[in-house]
Protein backbone atom coordinates (compact mmCIF):
# COMPACT_ATOMS: atom_id res chain seq x y z
CA UNK A 1 0.00 0.00 0.00
CA UNK A 2 1.42 3.30 -1.10
CA UNK A 3 0.41 6.68 0.20
CA UNK A 4 0.45 9.72 -1.95
CA UNK A 5 3.06 12.14 -0.76
CA UNK A 6 2.38 15.84 -0.83
CA UNK A 7 4.70 17.86 -2.97
CA UNK A 8 6.62 20.42 -0.99
CA UNK A 9 6.66 23.88 -2.52
CA UNK A 10 10.18 25.13 -3.17
CA UNK A 11 9.27 28.81 -3.59
CA UNK A 12 9.46 30.74 -0.32
CA UNK A 13 6.58 32.91 0.76
CA UNK A 14 7.22 36.64 0.89
CA UNK A 15 5.63 38.45 3.79
CA UNK A 16 4.94 42.02 2.64
CA UNK A 17 3.64 43.44 5.92
CA UNK A 18 7.07 44.20 7.49
CA UNK A 19 8.28 45.79 4.24
CA UNK A 20 5.18 48.02 4.10
CA UNK A 21 5.73 49.03 7.73
CA UNK A 22 9.31 50.07 7.02
CA UNK A 23 8.31 52.03 3.91
CA UNK A 24 5.55 53.84 5.80
CA UNK A 25 8.00 54.75 8.56
CA UNK A 26 10.46 56.17 6.03
CA UNK A 27 7.67 58.09 4.30
CA UNK A 28 6.50 59.60 7.60
CA UNK A 29 10.09 60.58 8.42
CA UNK A 30 10.49 62.45 5.13
CA UNK A 31 7.11 64.16 5.47
CA UNK A 32 7.93 65.44 8.95
CA UNK A 33 11.42 66.51 7.88
CA UNK A 34 10.12 68.42 4.86
CA UNK A 35 7.49 70.15 6.97
CA UNK A 36 10.09 71.39 9.45
CA UNK A 37 12.44 72.62 6.71
CA UNK A 38 9.80 74.76 4.99
CA UNK A 39 9.46 77.03 8.05
CA UNK A 40 13.14 78.00 8.20
CA UNK A 41 14.18 81.60 7.76
CA UNK A 42 17.53 81.88 6.05
CA UNK A 43 19.70 84.91 6.56
CA UNK A 44 17.12 86.86 8.59
CA UNK A 45 15.04 87.46 5.46
CA UNK A 46 11.33 87.98 6.01
CA UNK A 47 9.38 87.00 2.93
CA UNK A 48 5.90 88.40 2.31
CA UNK A 49 3.10 85.95 2.89
CA UNK A 50 1.07 87.13 -0.10
CA UNK A 51 -1.80 88.55 1.95
CA UNK A 52 -1.76 92.21 1.01
CA UNK A 53 -4.92 94.19 1.59
CA UNK A 54 -5.84 97.58 0.17
CA UNK A 55 -4.86 99.48 3.33
CA UNK A 56 -1.30 98.12 3.28
CA UNK A 57 -1.02 98.96 -0.43
CA UNK A 58 -2.02 102.57 0.34
CA UNK A 59 0.52 102.71 3.16
CA UNK A 60 3.26 101.48 0.83
CA UNK A 61 2.39 104.13 -1.76
CA UNK A 62 2.37 106.92 0.83
CA UNK A 63 5.50 105.78 2.69
CA UNK A 64 8.89 107.27 2.00
CA UNK A 65 10.88 104.64 0.17
CA UNK A 66 12.91 104.15 -2.96
CA UNK A 67 13.02 100.89 -4.88
CA UNK A 68 16.43 99.94 -6.25
CA UNK A 69 16.75 96.82 -8.39
CA UNK A 70 19.62 94.81 -9.79
CA UNK A 71 19.34 92.13 -12.46
CA UNK A 72 21.63 89.20 -13.26
CA UNK A 73 23.71 91.26 -15.67
CA UNK A 74 24.41 93.93 -13.05
CA UNK A 75 22.05 96.52 -14.49
CA UNK A 76 20.76 98.94 -11.85
CA UNK A 77 17.12 100.07 -11.85
CA UNK A 78 15.39 102.75 -9.79
CA UNK A 79 11.60 102.62 -9.90
CA UNK A 80 11.85 100.34 -13.00
CA UNK A 81 14.09 102.82 -14.89
CA UNK A 82 17.64 101.99 -15.99
CA UNK A 83 20.29 104.15 -14.27
CA UNK A 84 24.07 104.20 -14.11
CA UNK A 85 26.22 104.42 -10.96
CA UNK A 86 26.41 108.23 -10.85
CA UNK A 87 22.66 108.62 -11.35
CA UNK A 88 22.10 106.07 -8.56
CA UNK A 89 24.22 108.10 -6.15
CA UNK A 90 22.40 111.31 -7.11
CA UNK A 91 18.98 109.69 -6.63
CA UNK A 92 19.93 108.29 -3.22
CA UNK A 93 21.33 111.66 -2.07
CA UNK A 94 18.16 113.39 -3.25
CA UNK A 95 15.99 110.79 -1.50
CA UNK A 96 17.92 111.08 1.77
CA UNK A 97 17.76 114.90 1.68
CA UNK A 98 13.95 114.70 1.65
């Protein structure tokens, strides 16, 4: 009398639950890290938050300020007008005298 023997599977089973747990932990780590890095202020620079109301716009127009710009090529602008170095010095002296 012969009994039928069960065939033993040679392929190992892969348990995915521990791998998913590790991946979720790594994902949570990167999410928390990215959230803490977005609130950093570099070089004591305060960036505007984009919420400008009409009253603050009126205050900016009435306040005493001069806007000086510099592009990548080194071109100097005052109030969106191209100026050279001597004109810049004259404009700043005139502004400070007021």
